[in-house]
Amino acid sequence: GDPNALMVMGAVMLGGIITGKPPVGLDKVTP
């Protein structure tokens, strides 16, 4: 709910999610 928070990300994170299957994915944050 913090409107002043940002996170840098990119293609690397997508590859890591595919291989690592972490419990928290990009569906939890706001593009």
PDB file of all heavy atoms in Angstrom:
ATOM      1  N   GLY A   1       0.774  -1.227   0.000  1.00  0.00           N
ATOM      2  CA  GLY A   1       0.000   0.000   0.000  1.00  0.00           C
ATOM      3  C   GLY A   1       0.809   1.282   0.000  1.00  0.00           C
ATOM      4  O   GLY A   1       0.236   2.373   0.100  1.00  0.00           O
ATOM      5  N   ASP A   2       2.147   1.192  -0.122  1.00  0.00           N
ATOM      6  CA  ASP A   2       3.008   2.379  -0.063  1.00  0.00           C
ATOM      7  C   ASP A   2       3.132   3.008  -1.454  1.00  0.00           C
ATOM      8  O   ASP A   2       3.758   2.435  -2.345  1.00  0.00           O
ATOM      9  CB  ASP A   2       4.391   1.985   0.462  1.00  0.00           C
ATOM     10  CG  ASP A   2       5.288   3.192   0.713  1.00  0.00           C
ATOM     11  OD1 ASP A   2       4.953   4.298   0.242  1.00  0.00           O
ATOM     12  OD2 ASP A   2       6.331   3.031   1.384  1.00  0.00           O
ATOM     13  N   PRO A   3       2.557   4.190  -1.664  1.00  0.00           N
ATOM     14  CA  PRO A   3       2.589   4.813  -2.989  1.00  0.00           C
ATOM     15  C   PRO A   3       3.932   5.442  -3.334  1.00  0.00           C
ATOM     16  O   PRO A   3       4.106   5.947  -4.447  1.00  0.00           O
ATOM     17  CB  PRO A   3       1.499   5.891  -2.879  1.00  0.00           C
ATOM     18  CG  PRO A   3       1.527   6.289  -1.442  1.00  0.00           C
ATOM     19  CD  PRO A   3       1.825   5.022  -0.688  1.00  0.00           C
ATOM     20  N   ASN A   4       4.879   5.406  -2.407  1.00  0.00           N
ATOM     21  CA  ASN A   4       6.188   6.011  -2.638  1.00  0.00           C
ATOM     22  C   ASN A   4       7.302   4.963  -2.742  1.00  0.00           C
ATOM     23  O   ASN A   4       8.478   5.299  -2.654  1.00  0.00           O
ATOM     24  CB  ASN A   4       6.524   6.995  -1.515  1.00  0.00           C
ATOM     25  CG  ASN A   4       5.541   8.158  -1.466  1.00  0.00           C
ATOM     26  OD1 ASN A   4       5.053   8.592  -2.499  1.00  0.00           O
ATOM     27  ND2 ASN A   4       5.245   8.636  -0.277  1.00  0.00           N
ATOM     28  N   ALA A   5       6.921   3.706  -2.930  1.00  0.00           N
ATOM     29  CA  ALA A   5       7.903   2.620  -3.029  1.00  0.00           C
ATOM     30  C   ALA A   5       8.021   2.139  -4.467  1.00  0.00           C
ATOM     31  O   ALA A   5       7.014   1.917  -5.151  1.00  0.00           O
ATOM     32  CB  ALA A   5       7.495   1.462  -2.122  1.00  0.00           C
ATOM     33  N   LEU A   6       9.254   1.981  -4.924  1.00  0.00           N
ATOM     34  CA  LEU A   6       9.536   1.492  -6.271  1.00  0.00           C
ATOM     35  C   LEU A   6      10.514   0.327  -6.193  1.00  0.00           C
ATOM     36  O   LEU A   6      11.303   0.233  -5.257  1.00  0.00           O
ATOM     37  CB  LEU A   6      10.153   2.595  -7.138  1.00  0.00           C
ATOM     38  CG  LEU A   6       9.325   3.852  -7.412  1.00  0.00           C
ATOM     39  CD1 LEU A   6      10.175   4.873  -8.160  1.00  0.00           C
ATOM     40  CD2 LEU A   6       8.078   3.508  -8.203  1.00  0.00           C
ATOM     41  N   MET A   7      10.477  -0.551  -7.196  1.00  0.00           N
ATOM     42  CA  MET A   7      11.440  -1.640  -7.292  1.00  0.00           C
ATOM     43  C   MET A   7      11.923  -1.763  -8.736  1.00  0.00           C
ATOM     44  O   MET A   7      11.110  -1.866  -9.655  1.00  0.00           O
ATOM     45  CB  MET A   7      10.821  -2.970  -6.857  1.00  0.00           C
ATOM     46  CG  MET A   7      11.805  -4.149  -6.942  1.00  0.00           C
ATOM     47  SD  MET A   7      11.029  -5.765  -6.641  1.00  0.00           S
ATOM     48  CE  MET A   7      10.059  -5.964  -8.148  1.00  0.00           C
ATOM     49  N   VAL A   8      13.232  -1.749  -8.914  1.00  0.00           N
ATOM     50  CA  VAL A   8      13.829  -1.985 -10.226  1.00  0.00           C
ATOM     51  C   VAL A   8      13.824  -3.486 -10.492  1.00  0.00           C
ATOM     52  O   VAL A   8      14.044  -4.293  -9.589  1.00  0.00           O
ATOM     53  CB  VAL A   8      15.269  -1.450 -10.271  1.00  0.00           C
ATOM     54  CG1 VAL A   8      15.920  -1.741 -11.615  1.00  0.00           C
ATOM     55  CG2 VAL A   8      15.287   0.041 -10.005  1.00  0.00           C
ATOM     56  N   MET A   9      13.564  -3.873 -11.712  1.00  0.00           N
ATOM     57  CA  MET A   9      13.584  -5.298 -12.077  1.00  0.00           C
ATOM     58  C   MET A   9      13.833  -5.416 -13.569  1.00  0.00           C
ATOM     59  O   MET A   9      14.075  -4.427 -14.246  1.00  0.00           O
ATOM     60  CB  MET A   9      12.260  -5.971 -11.679  1.00  0.00           C
ATOM     61  CG  MET A   9      10.986  -5.285 -12.175  1.00  0.00           C
ATOM     62  SD  MET A   9      10.628  -5.496 -13.944  1.00  0.00           S
ATOM     63  CE  MET A   9      10.253  -7.253 -13.992  1.00  0.00           C
ATOM     64  N   GLY A  10      13.797  -6.640 -14.077  1.00  0.00           N
ATOM     65  CA  GLY A  10      14.002  -6.824 -15.503  1.00  0.00           C
ATOM     66  C   GLY A  10      13.939  -8.277 -15.913  1.00  0.00           C
ATOM     67  O   GLY A  10      13.468  -9.135 -15.162  1.00  0.00           O
ATOM     68  N   ALA A  11      14.435  -8.557 -17.115  1.00  0.00           N
ATOM     69  CA  ALA A  11      14.356  -9.894 -17.688  1.00  0.00           C
ATOM     70  C   ALA A  11      15.021 -10.939 -16.799  1.00  0.00           C
ATOM     71  O   ALA A  11      14.568 -12.091 -16.743  1.00  0.00           O
ATOM     72  CB  ALA A  11      15.006  -9.901 -19.075  1.00  0.00           C
ATOM     73  N   VAL A  12      16.071 -10.547 -16.088  1.00  0.00           N
ATOM     74  CA  VAL A  12      16.777 -11.481 -15.207  1.00  0.00           C
ATOM     75  C   VAL A  12      15.840 -12.050 -14.145  1.00  0.00           C
ATOM     76  O   VAL A  12      15.883 -13.248 -13.825  1.00  0.00           O
ATOM     77  CB  VAL A  12      17.975 -10.785 -14.527  1.00  0.00           C
ATOM     78  CG1 VAL A  12      18.588 -11.673 -13.456  1.00  0.00           C
ATOM     79  CG2 VAL A  12      19.032 -10.416 -15.563  1.00  0.00           C
ATOM     80  N   MET A  13      14.965 -11.202 -13.605  1.00  0.00           N
ATOM     81  CA  MET A  13      14.052 -11.661 -12.570  1.00  0.00           C
ATOM     82  C   MET A  13      13.076 -12.697 -13.116  1.00  0.00           C
ATOM     83  O   MET A  13      12.751 -13.682 -12.442  1.00  0.00           O
ATOM     84  CB  MET A  13      13.285 -10.480 -11.963  1.00  0.00           C
ATOM     85  CG  MET A  13      12.399 -10.858 -10.792  1.00  0.00           C
ATOM     86  SD  MET A  13      11.640  -9.439  -9.962  1.00  0.00           S
ATOM     87  CE  MET A  13      13.030  -8.823  -9.003  1.00  0.00           C
ATOM     88  N   LEU A  14      12.636 -12.515 -14.353  1.00  0.00           N
ATOM     89  CA  LEU A  14      11.718 -13.481 -14.956  1.00  0.00           C
ATOM     90  C   LEU A  14      12.385 -14.846 -15.076  1.00  0.00           C
ATOM     91  O   LEU A  14      11.801 -15.877 -14.722  1.00  0.00           O
ATOM     92  CB  LEU A  14      11.261 -12.995 -16.334  1.00  0.00           C
ATOM     93  CG  LEU A  14      10.023 -12.103 -16.386  1.00  0.00           C
ATOM     94  CD1 LEU A  14      10.212 -10.834 -15.553  1.00  0.00           C
ATOM     95  CD2 LEU A  14       9.685 -11.731 -17.820  1.00  0.00           C
ATOM     96  N   GLY A  15      13.641 -14.846 -15.563  1.00  0.00           N
ATOM     97  CA  GLY A  15      14.370 -16.108 -15.686  1.00  0.00           C
ATOM     98  C   GLY A  15      14.585 -16.771 -14.351  1.00  0.00           C
ATOM     99  O   GLY A  15      14.473 -17.992 -14.216  1.00  0.00           O
ATOM    100  N   GLY A  16      14.881 -15.962 -13.326  1.00  0.00           N
ATOM    101  CA  GLY A  16      15.083 -16.510 -11.987  1.00  0.00           C
ATOM    102  C   GLY A  16      13.822 -17.112 -11.404  1.00  0.00           C
ATOM    103  O   GLY A  16      13.860 -18.130 -10.714  1.00  0.00           O
ATOM    104  N   ILE A  17      12.683 -16.478 -11.675  1.00  0.00           N
ATOM    105  CA  ILE A  17      11.404 -17.005 -11.189  1.00  0.00           C
ATOM    106  C   ILE A  17      11.075 -18.332 -11.876  1.00  0.00           C
ATOM    107  O   ILE A  17      10.590 -19.275 -11.249  1.00  0.00           O
ATOM    108  CB  ILE A  17      10.278 -15.969 -11.411  1.00  0.00           C
ATOM    109  CG1 ILE A  17      10.460 -14.787 -10.440  1.00  0.00           C
ATOM    110  CG2 ILE A  17       8.902 -16.599 -11.223  1.00  0.00           C
ATOM    111  CD1 ILE A  17       9.521 -13.629 -10.690  1.00  0.00           C
ATOM    112  N   ILE A  18      11.383 -18.419 -13.160  1.00  0.00           N
ATOM    113  CA  ILE A  18      11.123 -19.658 -13.903  1.00  0.00           C
ATOM    114  C   ILE A  18      11.973 -20.802 -13.368  1.00  0.00           C
ATOM    115  O   ILE A  18      11.481 -21.921 -13.174  1.00  0.00           O
ATOM    116  CB  ILE A  18      11.387 -19.446 -15.411  1.00  0.00           C
ATOM    117  CG1 ILE A  18      10.330 -18.496 -16.004  1.00  0.00           C
ATOM    118  CG2 ILE A  18      11.356 -20.791 -16.157  1.00  0.00           C
ATOM    119  CD1 ILE A  18      10.659 -18.022 -17.410  1.00  0.00           C
ATOM    120  N   THR A  19      13.253 -20.537 -13.095  1.00  0.00           N
ATOM    121  CA  THR A  19      14.140 -21.611 -12.633  1.00  0.00           C
ATOM    122  C   THR A  19      14.011 -21.874 -11.135  1.00  0.00           C
ATOM    123  O   THR A  19      14.084 -23.010 -10.688  1.00  0.00           O
ATOM    124  CB  THR A  19      15.615 -21.284 -12.948  1.00  0.00           C
ATOM    125  OG1 THR A  19      15.967 -20.029 -12.346  1.00  0.00           O
ATOM    126  CG2 THR A  19      15.838 -21.202 -14.448  1.00  0.00           C
ATOM    127  N   GLY A  20      13.836 -20.814 -10.353  1.00  0.00           N
ATOM    128  CA  GLY A  20      13.849 -20.961  -8.896  1.00  0.00           C
ATOM    129  C   GLY A  20      12.504 -21.208  -8.251  1.00  0.00           C
ATOM    130  O   GLY A  20      12.429 -21.685  -7.118  1.00  0.00           O
ATOM    131  N   LYS A  21      11.420 -20.849  -8.965  1.00  0.00           N
ATOM    132  CA  LYS A  21      10.060 -21.017  -8.440  1.00  0.00           C
ATOM    133  C   LYS A  21       9.921 -20.487  -7.012  1.00  0.00           C
ATOM    134  O   LYS A  21       9.509 -21.206  -6.100  1.00  0.00           O
ATOM    135  CB  LYS A  21       9.632 -22.489  -8.488  1.00  0.00           C
ATOM    136  CG  LYS A  21       9.617 -23.094  -9.885  1.00  0.00           C
ATOM    137  CD  LYS A  21       9.167 -24.544  -9.854  1.00  0.00           C
ATOM    138  CE  LYS A  21       9.070 -25.135 -11.235  1.00  0.00           C
ATOM    139  NZ  LYS A  21      10.367 -25.270 -11.901  1.00  0.00           N
ATOM    140  N   PRO A  22      10.263 -19.195  -6.784  1.00  0.00           N
ATOM    141  CA  PRO A  22      10.156 -18.636  -5.432  1.00  0.00           C
ATOM    142  C   PRO A  22       8.697 -18.521  -4.994  1.00  0.00           C
ATOM    143  O   PRO A  22       7.791 -18.479  -5.839  1.00  0.00           O
ATOM    144  CB  PRO A  22      10.801 -17.260  -5.578  1.00  0.00           C
ATOM    145  CG  PRO A  22      10.576 -16.899  -7.009  1.00  0.00           C
ATOM    146  CD  PRO A  22      10.694 -18.194  -7.765  1.00  0.00           C
ATOM    147  N   PRO A  23       8.443 -18.466  -3.685  1.00  0.00           N
ATOM    148  CA  PRO A  23       7.068 -18.386  -3.189  1.00  0.00           C
ATOM    149  C   PRO A  23       6.382 -17.068  -3.510  1.00  0.00           C
ATOM    150  O   PRO A  23       5.151 -17.000  -3.525  1.00  0.00           O
ATOM    151  CB  PRO A  23       7.219 -18.563  -1.674  1.00  0.00           C
ATOM    152  CG  PRO A  23       8.635 -18.175  -1.373  1.00  0.00           C
ATOM    153  CD  PRO A  23       9.418 -18.570  -2.582  1.00  0.00           C
ATOM    154  N   VAL A  24       7.151 -16.020  -3.756  1.00  0.00           N
ATOM    155  CA  VAL A  24       6.579 -14.713  -4.076  1.00  0.00           C
ATOM    156  C   VAL A  24       6.932 -14.349  -5.512  1.00  0.00           C
ATOM    157  O   VAL A  24       8.111 -14.356  -5.891  1.00  0.00           O
ATOM    158  CB  VAL A  24       7.113 -13.619  -3.124  1.00  0.00           C
ATOM    159  CG1 VAL A  24       6.559 -12.251  -3.517  1.00  0.00           C
ATOM    160  CG2 VAL A  24       6.737 -13.936  -1.686  1.00  0.00           C
ATOM    161  N   GLY A  25       5.911 -14.052  -6.324  1.00  0.00           N
ATOM    162  CA  GLY A  25       6.138 -13.717  -7.723  1.00  0.00           C
ATOM    163  C   GLY A  25       5.734 -12.293  -8.052  1.00  0.00           C
ATOM    164  O   GLY A  25       5.278 -11.538  -7.190  1.00  0.00           O
ATOM    165  N   LEU A  26       5.881 -11.930  -9.316  1.00  0.00           N
ATOM    166  CA  LEU A  26       5.558 -10.579  -9.755  1.00  0.00           C
ATOM    167  C   LEU A  26       4.064 -10.286  -9.736  1.00  0.00           C
ATOM    168  O   LEU A  26       3.657  -9.124  -9.857  1.00  0.00           O
ATOM    169  CB  LEU A  26       6.120 -10.345 -11.157  1.00  0.00           C
ATOM    170  CG  LEU A  26       7.634 -10.113 -11.236  1.00  0.00           C
ATOM    171  CD1 LEU A  26       8.106 -10.122 -12.678  1.00  0.00           C
ATOM    172  CD2 LEU A  26       8.019  -8.809 -10.565  1.00  0.00           C
ATOM    173  N   ASP A  27       3.246 -11.329  -9.587  1.00  0.00           N
ATOM    174  CA  ASP A  27       1.802 -11.102  -9.510  1.00  0.00           C
ATOM    175  C   ASP A  27       1.421 -10.377  -8.217  1.00  0.00           C
ATOM    176  O   ASP A  27       0.292  -9.885  -8.088  1.00  0.00           O
ATOM    177  CB  ASP A  27       1.055 -12.429  -9.597  1.00  0.00           C
ATOM    178  CG  ASP A  27       1.457 -13.411  -8.502  1.00  0.00           C
ATOM    179  OD1 ASP A  27       2.665 -13.565  -8.254  1.00  0.00           O
ATOM    180  OD2 ASP A  27       0.563 -14.017  -7.893  1.00  0.00           O
ATOM    181  N   LYS A  28       2.355 -10.282  -7.270  1.00  0.00           N
ATOM    182  CA  LYS A  28       2.079  -9.636  -5.989  1.00  0.00           C
ATOM    183  C   LYS A  28       2.365  -8.132  -6.006  1.00  0.00           C
ATOM    184  O   LYS A  28       2.019  -7.430  -5.052  1.00  0.00           O
ATOM    185  CB  LYS A  28       2.927 -10.281  -4.885  1.00  0.00           C
ATOM    186  CG  LYS A  28       2.734 -11.789  -4.726  1.00  0.00           C
ATOM    187  CD  LYS A  28       1.305 -12.134  -4.340  1.00  0.00           C
ATOM    188  CE  LYS A  28       1.165 -13.641  -4.110  1.00  0.00           C
ATOM    189  NZ  LYS A  28      -0.236 -14.020  -3.850  1.00  0.00           N
ATOM    190  N   VAL A  29       3.023  -7.643  -7.055  1.00  0.00           N
ATOM    191  CA  VAL A  29       3.391  -6.234  -7.109  1.00  0.00           C
ATOM    192  C   VAL A  29       2.736  -5.554  -8.315  1.00  0.00           C
ATOM    193  O   VAL A  29       2.077  -6.202  -9.131  1.00  0.00           O
ATOM    194  CB  VAL A  29       4.926  -6.050  -7.120  1.00  0.00           C
ATOM    195  CG1 VAL A  29       5.502  -6.296  -5.748  1.00  0.00           C
ATOM    196  CG2 VAL A  29       5.589  -7.001  -8.129  1.00  0.00           C
ATOM    197  N   THR A  30       2.929  -4.241  -8.438  1.00  0.00           N
ATOM    198  CA  THR A  30       2.193  -3.442  -9.416  1.00  0.00           C
ATOM    199  C   THR A  30       3.087  -3.005 -10.574  1.00  0.00           C
ATOM    200  O   THR A  30       4.010  -2.202 -10.373  1.00  0.00           O
ATOM    201  CB  THR A  30       1.609  -2.194  -8.735  1.00  0.00           C
ATOM    202  OG1 THR A  30       0.823  -2.589  -7.605  1.00  0.00           O
ATOM    203  CG2 THR A  30       0.741  -1.409  -9.702  1.00  0.00           C
ATOM    204  N   PRO A  31       2.848  -3.496 -11.795  1.00  0.00           N
ATOM    205  CA  PRO A  31       3.678  -3.101 -12.936  1.00  0.00           C
ATOM    206  C   PRO A  31       3.488  -1.635 -13.291  1.00  0.00           C
ATOM    207  O   PRO A  31       2.360  -1.152 -13.397  1.00  0.00           O
ATOM    208  CB  PRO A  31       3.188  -4.018 -14.069  1.00  0.00           C
ATOM    209  CG  PRO A  31       1.811  -4.439 -13.669  1.00  0.00           C
ATOM    210  CD  PRO A  31       1.796  -4.463 -12.177  1.00  0.00           C
TER     211      PRO A  31
END
